[in-house]
Amino acid sequence: MSAQPDRFAPSLRVLHWLMAVLIVAMLGVGLVMTSSLTLRPLLLDIHRPLGVAILLLALLRLGLRLTQATPPLPASLPRWQVWAAQASHVALYALMLAMPLLGWAMLSAGGLPVQLWPGTLLPALVAPSPATYSLLHQIHQLGAWALAALVLGHIGAALLHAWVHRDGVWQAMAGGKRR
């Protein structure tokens, strides 16, 4: 059996950083979209295909994550921090998958097509229903706030490992050599 790597595979690192940019952009687009009537149509045209891209990349990333060895967390981490890291990663993956699906289902319930580009529509996930639309809209908004909180926590933990602990966790994803 081979030893665990000291850093994430290049494919996982590229997907991590690409998705980080896309998710932060998506959260920003969503925030502005809900507060600007003039920019809303343009931002919706960006939001929908970006959500589908995030869903597809999240599926790819999950598949790679489940099949590729990853570096261990430092043995010096307290048990509660290991648990928190694992739980937050499960929550991040769950939301990366759930948020686009919730948005797609919400639009389907509203009778609104999900257009990736002109002439390319995704099939409806649920039947049109104002009540379902309203419920999915609320869940999608709560999920966005939860995702934003998790992203901020993830960034905070990464910076803590990089600047305070200096234990190699940051380097494992950034691609540098672990200490």
N, C-alpha and C. Protein backbone atom coordinates (compact mmCIF):
# COMPACT_ATOMS: atom_id res chain seq x y z
N MET A 1 0.84 -1.18 0.00
CA MET A 1 0.00 0.00 0.00
C MET A 1 0.89 1.25 0.00
N SER A 2 0.55 2.20 -0.86
CA SER A 2 1.38 3.40 -0.96
C SER A 2 1.06 4.38 0.16
N ALA A 3 2.04 5.19 0.48
CA ALA A 3 1.88 6.19 1.53
C ALA A 3 0.95 7.29 1.04
N GLN A 4 0.35 8.00 1.99
CA GLN A 4 -0.51 9.11 1.63
C GLN A 4 0.34 10.25 1.07
N PRO A 5 -0.19 10.95 0.08
CA PRO A 5 0.58 12.05 -0.52
C PRO A 5 0.71 13.22 0.45
N ASP A 6 1.69 14.08 0.18
CA ASP A 6 1.87 15.26 1.04
C ASP A 6 1.11 16.47 0.49
N ARG A 7 0.52 16.33 -0.69
CA ARG A 7 -0.31 17.40 -1.24
C ARG A 7 -1.40 16.77 -2.10
N PHE A 8 -2.41 17.57 -2.39
CA PHE A 8 -3.51 17.10 -3.24
C PHE A 8 -3.02 16.96 -4.67
N ALA A 9 -3.63 16.04 -5.41
CA ALA A 9 -3.30 15.84 -6.81
C ALA A 9 -3.57 17.14 -7.58
N PRO A 10 -2.81 17.39 -8.64
CA PRO A 10 -3.02 18.61 -9.43
C PRO A 10 -4.47 18.78 -9.90
N SER A 11 -5.13 17.69 -10.29
CA SER A 11 -6.52 17.80 -10.75
C SER A 11 -7.42 18.32 -9.64
N LEU A 12 -7.23 17.85 -8.41
CA LEU A 12 -8.03 18.32 -7.28
C LEU A 12 -7.71 19.77 -6.94
N ARG A 13 -6.44 20.14 -7.03
CA ARG A 13 -6.07 21.53 -6.74
C ARG A 13 -6.67 22.48 -7.78
N VAL A 14 -6.58 22.13 -9.05
CA VAL A 14 -7.14 22.99 -10.10
C VAL A 14 -8.65 23.13 -9.91
N LEU A 15 -9.33 22.02 -9.68
CA LEU A 15 -10.79 22.09 -9.48
C LEU A 15 -11.14 22.89 -8.22
N HIS A 16 -10.36 22.74 -7.16
CA HIS A 16 -10.61 23.48 -5.93
C HIS A 16 -10.58 24.98 -6.20
N TRP A 17 -9.50 25.44 -6.83
CA TRP A 17 -9.33 26.88 -7.03
C TRP A 17 -10.29 27.42 -8.09
N LEU A 18 -10.56 26.65 -9.12
CA LEU A 18 -11.53 27.07 -10.13
C LEU A 18 -12.92 27.21 -9.50
N MET A 19 -13.30 26.21 -8.72
CA MET A 19 -14.61 26.26 -8.08
C MET A 19 -14.67 27.35 -7.02
N ALA A 20 -13.57 27.61 -6.35
CA ALA A 20 -13.56 28.70 -5.36
C ALA A 20 -13.92 30.02 -6.04
N VAL A 21 -13.30 30.27 -7.20
CA VAL A 21 -13.58 31.50 -7.94
C VAL A 21 -15.03 31.51 -8.41
N LEU A 22 -15.50 30.40 -8.96
CA LEU A 22 -16.87 30.34 -9.47
C LEU A 22 -17.91 30.49 -8.36
N ILE A 23 -17.67 29.87 -7.22
CA ILE A 23 -18.64 29.95 -6.13
C ILE A 23 -18.68 31.35 -5.54
N VAL A 24 -17.53 31.96 -5.34
CA VAL A 24 -17.52 33.35 -4.83
C VAL A 24 -18.20 34.27 -5.84
N ALA A 25 -17.93 34.07 -7.13
CA ALA A 25 -18.60 34.87 -8.16
C ALA A 25 -20.11 34.63 -8.12
N MET A 26 -20.51 33.37 -7.99
CA MET A 26 -21.93 33.04 -7.95
C MET A 26 -22.62 33.68 -6.75
N LEU A 27 -21.98 33.63 -5.60
CA LEU A 27 -22.56 34.27 -4.41
C LEU A 27 -22.70 35.78 -4.63
N GLY A 28 -21.68 36.39 -5.23
CA GLY A 28 -21.76 37.83 -5.52
C GLY A 28 -22.85 38.15 -6.52
N VAL A 29 -22.94 37.36 -7.59
CA VAL A 29 -23.99 37.56 -8.59
C VAL A 29 -25.36 37.41 -7.95
N GLY A 30 -25.51 36.39 -7.13
CA GLY A 30 -26.80 36.16 -6.47
C GLY A 30 -27.19 37.31 -5.55
N LEU A 31 -26.22 37.83 -4.84
CA LEU A 31 -26.49 38.94 -3.92
C LEU A 31 -26.92 40.19 -4.68
N VAL A 32 -26.18 40.52 -5.72
CA VAL A 32 -26.51 41.71 -6.51
C VAL A 32 -27.84 41.50 -7.25
N MET A 33 -28.04 40.27 -7.74
CA MET A 33 -29.25 39.96 -8.49
C MET A 33 -30.51 40.18 -7.66
N THR A 34 -30.44 39.87 -6.39
CA THR A 34 -31.62 40.02 -5.54
C THR A 34 -31.87 41.46 -5.11
N SER A 35 -30.91 42.34 -5.38
CA SER A 35 -31.07 43.72 -4.93
C SER A 35 -31.08 44.74 -6.06
N SER A 36 -30.99 44.30 -7.31
CA SER A 36 -30.95 45.24 -8.43
C SER A 36 -31.95 44.82 -9.50
N LEU A 37 -32.95 45.65 -9.70
CA LEU A 37 -33.93 45.36 -10.75
C LEU A 37 -33.34 45.56 -12.14
N THR A 38 -32.47 46.53 -12.30
CA THR A 38 -31.92 46.82 -13.63
C THR A 38 -30.91 45.76 -14.08
N LEU A 39 -30.12 45.24 -13.16
CA LEU A 39 -29.12 44.23 -13.52
C LEU A 39 -29.65 42.80 -13.46
N ARG A 40 -30.81 42.62 -12.89
CA ARG A 40 -31.36 41.28 -12.66
C ARG A 40 -31.41 40.41 -13.93
N PRO A 41 -31.94 40.89 -15.06
CA PRO A 41 -31.99 40.02 -16.24
C PRO A 41 -30.61 39.55 -16.71
N LEU A 42 -29.67 40.45 -16.74
CA LEU A 42 -28.30 40.10 -17.15
C LEU A 42 -27.69 39.10 -16.16
N LEU A 43 -27.86 39.37 -14.87
CA LEU A 43 -27.27 38.49 -13.86
C LEU A 43 -27.93 37.11 -13.85
N LEU A 44 -29.23 37.05 -14.13
CA LEU A 44 -29.90 35.74 -14.25
C LEU A 44 -29.30 34.95 -15.41
N ASP A 45 -29.00 35.64 -16.50
CA ASP A 45 -28.40 34.97 -17.65
C ASP A 45 -27.00 34.44 -17.33
N ILE A 46 -26.34 35.03 -16.36
CA ILE A 46 -25.02 34.55 -15.91
C ILE A 46 -25.21 33.47 -14.85
N HIS A 47 -26.15 33.68 -13.93
CA HIS A 47 -26.37 32.82 -12.78
C HIS A 47 -26.75 31.39 -13.18
N ARG A 48 -27.64 31.26 -14.14
CA ARG A 48 -28.14 29.94 -14.51
C ARG A 48 -27.05 29.04 -15.09
N PRO A 49 -26.34 29.43 -16.15
CA PRO A 49 -25.30 28.53 -16.67
C PRO A 49 -24.13 28.37 -15.70
N LEU A 50 -23.86 29.38 -14.89
CA LEU A 50 -22.80 29.26 -13.89
C LEU A 50 -23.18 28.19 -12.86
N GLY A 51 -24.45 28.15 -12.48
CA GLY A 51 -24.92 27.12 -11.56
C GLY A 51 -24.77 25.72 -12.14
N VAL A 52 -25.10 25.57 -13.41
CA VAL A 52 -24.95 24.26 -14.06
C VAL A 52 -23.47 23.89 -14.13
N ALA A 53 -22.61 24.85 -14.45
CA ALA A 53 -21.17 24.58 -14.49
C ALA A 53 -20.66 24.13 -13.12
N ILE A 54 -21.11 24.81 -12.07
CA ILE A 54 -20.70 24.44 -10.71
C ILE A 54 -21.18 23.03 -10.38
N LEU A 55 -22.41 22.69 -10.77
CA LEU A 55 -22.93 21.35 -10.52
C LEU A 55 -22.07 20.29 -11.22
N LEU A 56 -21.76 20.51 -12.50
CA LEU A 56 -20.95 19.54 -13.24
C LEU A 56 -19.54 19.42 -12.67
N LEU A 57 -18.94 20.56 -12.33
CA LEU A 57 -17.59 20.53 -11.73
C LEU A 57 -17.61 19.87 -10.35
N ALA A 58 -18.67 20.10 -9.59
CA ALA A 58 -18.77 19.47 -8.27
C ALA A 58 -18.88 17.96 -8.39
N LEU A 59 -19.64 17.49 -9.38
CA LEU A 59 -19.73 16.04 -9.60
C LEU A 59 -18.37 15.46 -9.99
N LEU A 60 -17.67 16.14 -10.89
CA LEU A 60 -16.33 15.71 -11.27
C LEU A 60 -15.39 15.72 -10.08
N ARG A 61 -15.45 16.80 -9.32
CA ARG A 61 -14.57 16.93 -8.16
C ARG A 61 -14.85 15.86 -7.12
N LEU A 62 -16.12 15.58 -6.88
CA LEU A 62 -16.48 14.54 -5.91
C LEU A 62 -15.97 13.18 -6.38
N GLY A 63 -16.14 12.91 -7.67
CA GLY A 63 -15.63 11.64 -8.19
C GLY A 63 -14.12 11.52 -8.02
N LEU A 64 -13.39 12.58 -8.32
CA LEU A 64 -11.94 12.55 -8.14
C LEU A 64 -11.57 12.44 -6.67
N ARG A 65 -12.28 13.15 -5.83
CA ARG A 65 -11.99 13.15 -4.39
C ARG A 65 -12.17 11.77 -3.78
N LEU A 66 -13.16 11.04 -4.30
CA LEU A 66 -13.43 9.70 -3.78
C LEU A 66 -12.46 8.64 -4.32
N THR A 67 -11.76 8.96 -5.40
CA THR A 67 -10.88 7.97 -6.02
C THR A 67 -9.39 8.28 -5.87
N GLN A 68 -9.05 9.48 -5.42
CA GLN A 68 -7.64 9.84 -5.29
C GLN A 68 -7.26 10.00 -3.82
N ALA A 69 -6.07 9.54 -3.50
CA ALA A 69 -5.57 9.69 -2.13
C ALA A 69 -5.35 11.17 -1.83
N THR A 70 -5.61 11.53 -0.59
CA THR A 70 -5.43 12.92 -0.16
C THR A 70 -4.50 12.96 1.05
N PRO A 71 -3.87 14.10 1.26
CA PRO A 71 -2.97 14.21 2.41
C PRO A 71 -3.73 14.11 3.72
N PRO A 72 -3.11 13.52 4.73
CA PRO A 72 -3.76 13.46 6.04
C PRO A 72 -3.71 14.83 6.72
N LEU A 73 -4.65 15.04 7.62
CA LEU A 73 -4.58 16.23 8.46
C LEU A 73 -3.43 16.03 9.45
N PRO A 74 -2.84 17.11 9.93
CA PRO A 74 -1.75 16.97 10.89
C PRO A 74 -2.19 16.22 12.15
N ALA A 75 -1.32 15.37 12.63
CA ALA A 75 -1.61 14.60 13.85
C ALA A 75 -1.78 15.51 15.06
N SER A 76 -1.25 16.72 14.97
CA SER A 76 -1.32 17.65 16.09
C SER A 76 -2.70 18.31 16.24
N LEU A 77 -3.57 18.15 15.26
CA LEU A 77 -4.89 18.78 15.35
C LEU A 77 -5.73 18.10 16.41
N PRO A 78 -6.39 18.89 17.26
CA PRO A 78 -7.31 18.30 18.23
C PRO A 78 -8.45 17.57 17.51
N ARG A 79 -8.99 16.59 18.15
CA ARG A 79 -10.05 15.76 17.57
C ARG A 79 -11.24 16.61 17.08
N TRP A 80 -11.62 17.63 17.85
CA TRP A 80 -12.77 18.44 17.46
C TRP A 80 -12.50 19.21 16.17
N GLN A 81 -11.25 19.60 15.94
CA GLN A 81 -10.91 20.30 14.71
C GLN A 81 -10.93 19.35 13.50
N VAL A 82 -10.50 18.13 13.72
CA VAL A 82 -10.58 17.12 12.66
C VAL A 82 -12.05 16.90 12.30
N TRP A 83 -12.88 16.75 13.32
CA TRP A 83 -14.32 16.56 13.08
C TRP A 83 -14.90 17.77 12.36
N ALA A 84 -14.55 18.97 12.79
CA ALA A 84 -15.07 20.19 12.16
C ALA A 84 -14.63 20.28 10.70
N ALA A 85 -13.38 19.93 10.43
CA ALA A 85 -12.88 19.96 9.04
C ALA A 85 -13.65 18.96 8.18
N GLN A 86 -13.84 17.77 8.69
CA GLN A 86 -14.56 16.75 7.92
C GLN A 86 -16.02 17.14 7.71
N ALA A 87 -16.67 17.62 8.76
CA ALA A 87 -18.08 18.01 8.66
C ALA A 87 -18.25 19.19 7.70
N SER A 88 -17.34 20.16 7.76
CA SER A 88 -17.47 21.32 6.87
C SER A 88 -17.24 20.93 5.42
N HIS A 89 -16.35 19.97 5.17
CA HIS A 89 -16.14 19.53 3.80
C HIS A 89 -17.36 18.78 3.27
N VAL A 90 -17.97 17.95 4.09
CA VAL A 90 -19.20 17.27 3.67
C VAL A 90 -20.29 18.30 3.37
N ALA A 91 -20.41 19.30 4.23
CA ALA A 91 -21.42 20.35 4.01
C ALA A 91 -21.13 21.15 2.74
N LEU A 92 -19.86 21.46 2.49
CA LEU A 92 -19.50 22.19 1.27
C LEU A 92 -19.86 21.39 0.02
N TYR A 93 -19.50 20.12 0.00
CA TYR A 93 -19.84 19.28 -1.15
C TYR A 93 -21.35 19.16 -1.30
N ALA A 94 -22.06 18.98 -0.19
CA ALA A 94 -23.52 18.87 -0.26
C ALA A 94 -24.13 20.14 -0.85
N LEU A 95 -23.67 21.29 -0.42
CA LEU A 95 -24.22 22.54 -0.94
C LEU A 95 -23.77 22.82 -2.38
N MET A 96 -22.55 22.41 -2.75
CA MET A 96 -22.12 22.59 -4.13
C MET A 96 -23.01 21.78 -5.08
N LEU A 97 -23.52 20.67 -4.60
CA LEU A 97 -24.42 19.85 -5.41
C LEU A 97 -25.87 20.31 -5.28
N ALA A 98 -26.28 20.63 -4.06
CA ALA A 98 -27.69 20.96 -3.81
C ALA A 98 -28.11 22.31 -4.35
N MET A 99 -27.25 23.31 -4.24
CA MET A 99 -27.66 24.66 -4.65
C MET A 99 -28.04 24.76 -6.12
N PRO A 100 -27.25 24.23 -7.04
CA PRO A 100 -27.69 24.29 -8.44
C PRO A 100 -28.97 23.50 -8.69
N LEU A 101 -29.09 22.34 -8.03
CA LEU A 101 -30.31 21.54 -8.20
C LEU A 101 -31.53 22.25 -7.62
N LEU A 102 -31.36 22.91 -6.49
CA LEU A 102 -32.46 23.69 -5.91
C LEU A 102 -32.86 24.84 -6.82
N GLY A 103 -31.88 25.54 -7.37
CA GLY A 103 -32.18 26.64 -8.28
C GLY A 103 -32.91 26.15 -9.53
N TRP A 104 -32.44 25.04 -10.08
CA TRP A 104 -33.06 24.46 -11.26
C TRP A 104 -34.49 24.03 -10.96
N ALA A 105 -34.69 23.34 -9.82
CA ALA A 105 -36.03 22.91 -9.44
C ALA A 105 -36.93 24.11 -9.16
N MET A 106 -36.38 25.13 -8.52
CA MET A 106 -37.15 26.35 -8.22
C MET A 106 -37.65 26.98 -9.51
N LEU A 107 -36.77 27.13 -10.50
CA LEU A 107 -37.18 27.73 -11.77
C LEU A 107 -38.21 26.85 -12.47
N SER A 108 -38.01 25.53 -12.40
CA SER A 108 -38.99 24.62 -12.98
C SER A 108 -40.36 24.81 -12.33
N ALA A 109 -40.38 24.92 -11.01
CA ALA A 109 -41.64 25.12 -10.28
C ALA A 109 -42.29 26.45 -10.65
N GLY A 110 -41.47 27.42 -11.01
CA GLY A 110 -41.98 28.73 -11.44
C GLY A 110 -42.37 28.76 -12.91
N GLY A 111 -42.22 27.62 -13.59
CA GLY A 111 -42.53 27.57 -15.01
C GLY A 111 -41.52 28.31 -15.86
N LEU A 112 -40.34 28.55 -15.31
CA LEU A 112 -39.29 29.30 -16.01
C LEU A 112 -38.24 28.34 -16.56
N PRO A 113 -37.89 28.50 -17.82
CA PRO A 113 -36.88 27.60 -18.39
C PRO A 113 -35.49 27.93 -17.87
N VAL A 114 -34.67 26.90 -17.80
CA VAL A 114 -33.25 27.11 -17.50
C VAL A 114 -32.53 27.03 -18.83
N GLN A 115 -32.12 28.19 -19.32
CA GLN A 115 -31.45 28.29 -20.61
C GLN A 115 -29.95 28.44 -20.38
N LEU A 116 -29.19 27.50 -20.94
CA LEU A 116 -27.74 27.59 -20.82
C LEU A 116 -27.21 28.62 -21.80
N TRP A 117 -27.68 28.57 -23.02
CA TRP A 117 -27.38 29.53 -24.06
C TRP A 117 -28.55 29.46 -25.03
N PRO A 118 -28.67 30.41 -25.93
CA PRO A 118 -29.83 30.43 -26.82
C PRO A 118 -30.04 29.08 -27.53
N GLY A 119 -31.25 28.55 -27.39
CA GLY A 119 -31.60 27.29 -28.02
C GLY A 119 -31.32 26.05 -27.19
N THR A 120 -30.73 26.21 -26.01
CA THR A 120 -30.41 25.07 -25.17
C THR A 120 -31.10 25.22 -23.82
N LEU A 121 -32.20 24.48 -23.66
CA LEU A 121 -32.97 24.51 -22.43
C LEU A 121 -32.80 23.19 -21.69
N LEU A 122 -32.71 23.28 -20.37
CA LEU A 122 -32.68 22.08 -19.55
C LEU A 122 -34.12 21.65 -19.27
N PRO A 123 -34.35 20.35 -19.11
CA PRO A 123 -35.72 19.90 -18.82
C PRO A 123 -36.14 20.32 -17.41
N ALA A 124 -37.44 20.48 -17.23
CA ALA A 124 -37.96 20.84 -15.91
C ALA A 124 -37.73 19.69 -14.94
N LEU A 125 -37.38 20.03 -13.70
CA LEU A 125 -37.18 19.01 -12.66
C LEU A 125 -38.46 18.72 -11.89
N VAL A 126 -39.32 19.72 -11.77
CA VAL A 126 -40.59 19.56 -11.06
C VAL A 126 -41.68 20.26 -11.87
N ALA A 127 -42.92 19.89 -11.58
CA ALA A 127 -44.06 20.51 -12.25
C ALA A 127 -44.25 21.94 -11.74
N PRO A 128 -44.75 22.82 -12.58
CA PRO A 128 -45.01 24.19 -12.13
C PRO A 128 -45.98 24.22 -10.94
N SER A 129 -45.60 25.00 -9.93
CA SER A 129 -46.42 25.14 -8.72
C SER A 129 -45.94 26.36 -7.96
N PRO A 130 -46.82 27.36 -7.79
CA PRO A 130 -46.40 28.55 -7.04
C PRO A 130 -45.95 28.22 -5.62
N ALA A 131 -46.62 27.29 -4.95
CA ALA A 131 -46.25 26.94 -3.58
C ALA A 131 -44.86 26.29 -3.55
N THR A 132 -44.61 25.38 -4.49
CA THR A 132 -43.30 24.73 -4.55
C THR A 132 -42.22 25.74 -4.89
N TYR A 133 -42.53 26.64 -5.83
CA TYR A 133 -41.58 27.69 -6.19
C TYR A 133 -41.20 28.51 -4.95
N SER A 134 -42.20 28.93 -4.20
CA SER A 134 -41.95 29.76 -3.02
C SER A 134 -41.09 29.01 -2.00
N LEU A 135 -41.41 27.76 -1.75
CA LEU A 135 -40.64 26.96 -0.79
C LEU A 135 -39.20 26.78 -1.26
N LEU A 136 -39.02 26.42 -2.53
CA LEU A 136 -37.68 26.21 -3.06
C LEU A 136 -36.87 27.51 -3.10
N HIS A 137 -37.54 28.61 -3.35
CA HIS A 137 -36.88 29.92 -3.33
C HIS A 137 -36.32 30.21 -1.94
N GLN A 138 -37.12 29.96 -0.92
CA GLN A 138 -36.66 30.19 0.46
C GLN A 138 -35.50 29.27 0.81
N ILE A 139 -35.60 28.00 0.42
CA ILE A 139 -34.53 27.05 0.72
C ILE A 139 -33.26 27.44 -0.03
N HIS A 140 -33.41 27.88 -1.29
CA HIS A 140 -32.25 28.30 -2.09
C HIS A 140 -31.56 29.50 -1.45
N GLN A 141 -32.35 30.46 -0.96
CA GLN A 141 -31.76 31.63 -0.30
C GLN A 141 -31.04 31.23 0.99
N LEU A 142 -31.67 30.39 1.80
CA LEU A 142 -31.02 29.92 3.04
C LEU A 142 -29.74 29.14 2.71
N GLY A 143 -29.80 28.33 1.67
CA GLY A 143 -28.62 27.57 1.26
C GLY A 143 -27.49 28.49 0.82
N ALA A 144 -27.83 29.59 0.15
CA ALA A 144 -26.81 30.54 -0.28
C ALA A 144 -26.12 31.17 0.92
N TRP A 145 -26.89 31.53 1.93
CA TRP A 145 -26.29 32.11 3.14
C TRP A 145 -25.44 31.07 3.87
N ALA A 146 -25.93 29.82 3.92
CA ALA A 146 -25.15 28.76 4.56
C ALA A 146 -23.85 28.52 3.79
N LEU A 147 -23.93 28.51 2.46
CA LEU A 147 -22.73 28.33 1.64
C LEU A 147 -21.75 29.47 1.86
N ALA A 148 -22.26 30.70 1.91
CA ALA A 148 -21.39 31.85 2.15
C ALA A 148 -20.69 31.72 3.51
N ALA A 149 -21.43 31.31 4.52
CA ALA A 149 -20.84 31.13 5.86
C ALA A 149 -19.77 30.04 5.84
N LEU A 150 -20.05 28.93 5.16
CA LEU A 150 -19.07 27.84 5.07
C LEU A 150 -17.82 28.28 4.31
N VAL A 151 -18.01 29.02 3.24
CA VAL A 151 -16.86 29.50 2.46
C VAL A 151 -16.01 30.42 3.32
N LEU A 152 -16.64 31.34 4.04
CA LEU A 152 -15.88 32.23 4.93
C LEU A 152 -15.15 31.44 6.01
N GLY A 153 -15.82 30.46 6.59
CA GLY A 153 -15.16 29.61 7.59
C GLY A 153 -14.00 28.83 7.00
N HIS A 154 -14.18 28.33 5.79
CA HIS A 154 -13.14 27.58 5.11
C HIS A 154 -11.92 28.46 4.84
N ILE A 155 -12.18 29.67 4.37
CA ILE A 155 -11.08 30.62 4.13
C ILE A 155 -10.38 30.95 5.45
N GLY A 156 -11.15 31.19 6.49
CA GLY A 156 -10.56 31.48 7.80
C GLY A 156 -9.69 30.35 8.30
N ALA A 157 -10.18 29.12 8.18
CA ALA A 157 -9.40 27.96 8.63
C ALA A 157 -8.13 27.80 7.79
N ALA A 158 -8.24 28.02 6.47
CA ALA A 158 -7.06 27.91 5.60
C ALA A 158 -6.01 28.93 6.00
N LEU A 159 -6.45 30.16 6.25
CA LEU A 159 -5.49 31.21 6.64
C LEU A 159 -4.90 30.92 8.02
N LEU A 160 -5.68 30.37 8.92
CA LEU A 160 -5.17 29.98 10.23
C LEU A 160 -4.05 28.94 10.08
N HIS A 161 -4.30 27.95 9.21
CA HIS A 161 -3.26 26.93 8.98
C HIS A 161 -2.04 27.53 8.29
N ALA A 162 -2.26 28.48 7.39
CA ALA A 162 -1.14 29.06 6.64
C ALA A 162 -0.31 30.00 7.50
N TRP A 163 -0.96 30.85 8.26
CA TRP A 163 -0.25 31.93 8.96
C TRP A 163 0.05 31.66 10.42
N VAL A 164 -0.77 30.86 11.09
CA VAL A 164 -0.58 30.63 12.52
C VAL A 164 0.04 29.26 12.77
N HIS A 165 -0.66 28.22 12.36
CA HIS A 165 -0.18 26.86 12.64
C HIS A 165 1.02 26.48 11.77
N ARG A 166 1.04 26.95 10.55
CA ARG A 166 2.11 26.62 9.61
C ARG A 166 2.39 25.12 9.60
N ASP A 167 1.30 24.34 9.47
CA ASP A 167 1.38 22.89 9.60
C ASP A 167 1.30 22.14 8.28
N GLY A 168 1.34 22.87 7.15
CA GLY A 168 1.34 22.23 5.84
C GLY A 168 -0.03 22.03 5.22
N VAL A 169 -1.09 22.32 5.95
CA VAL A 169 -2.44 22.14 5.39
C VAL A 169 -2.63 23.07 4.19
N TRP A 170 -2.24 24.32 4.33
CA TRP A 170 -2.36 25.28 3.23
C TRP A 170 -1.52 24.83 2.03
N GLN A 171 -0.29 24.42 2.28
CA GLN A 171 0.60 24.02 1.21
C GLN A 171 0.08 22.80 0.45
N ALA A 172 -0.65 21.93 1.13
CA ALA A 172 -1.18 20.74 0.49
C ALA A 172 -2.14 21.09 -0.63
N MET A 173 -2.90 22.19 -0.48
CA MET A 173 -3.83 22.62 -1.51
C MET A 173 -3.22 23.67 -2.43
N ALA A 174 -2.31 24.45 -1.90
CA ALA A 174 -1.68 25.49 -2.72
C ALA A 174 -0.62 24.90 -3.65
N GLY A 175 -0.16 23.69 -3.36
CA GLY A 175 0.78 23.02 -4.24
C GLY A 175 2.22 23.09 -3.79
N GLY A 176 2.49 23.81 -2.71
CA GLY A 176 3.85 23.91 -2.21
C GLY A 176 4.23 22.67 -1.42
N LYS A 177 5.45 22.64 -0.98
CA LYS A 177 5.92 21.52 -0.18
C LYS A 177 5.47 21.69 1.27
N ARG A 178 5.00 20.59 1.87
CA ARG A 178 4.62 20.61 3.27
C ARG A 178 5.86 20.58 4.13
N ARG A 179 5.75 21.22 5.28
CA ARG A 179 6.89 21.22 6.21
C ARG A 179 6.94 19.96 6.99
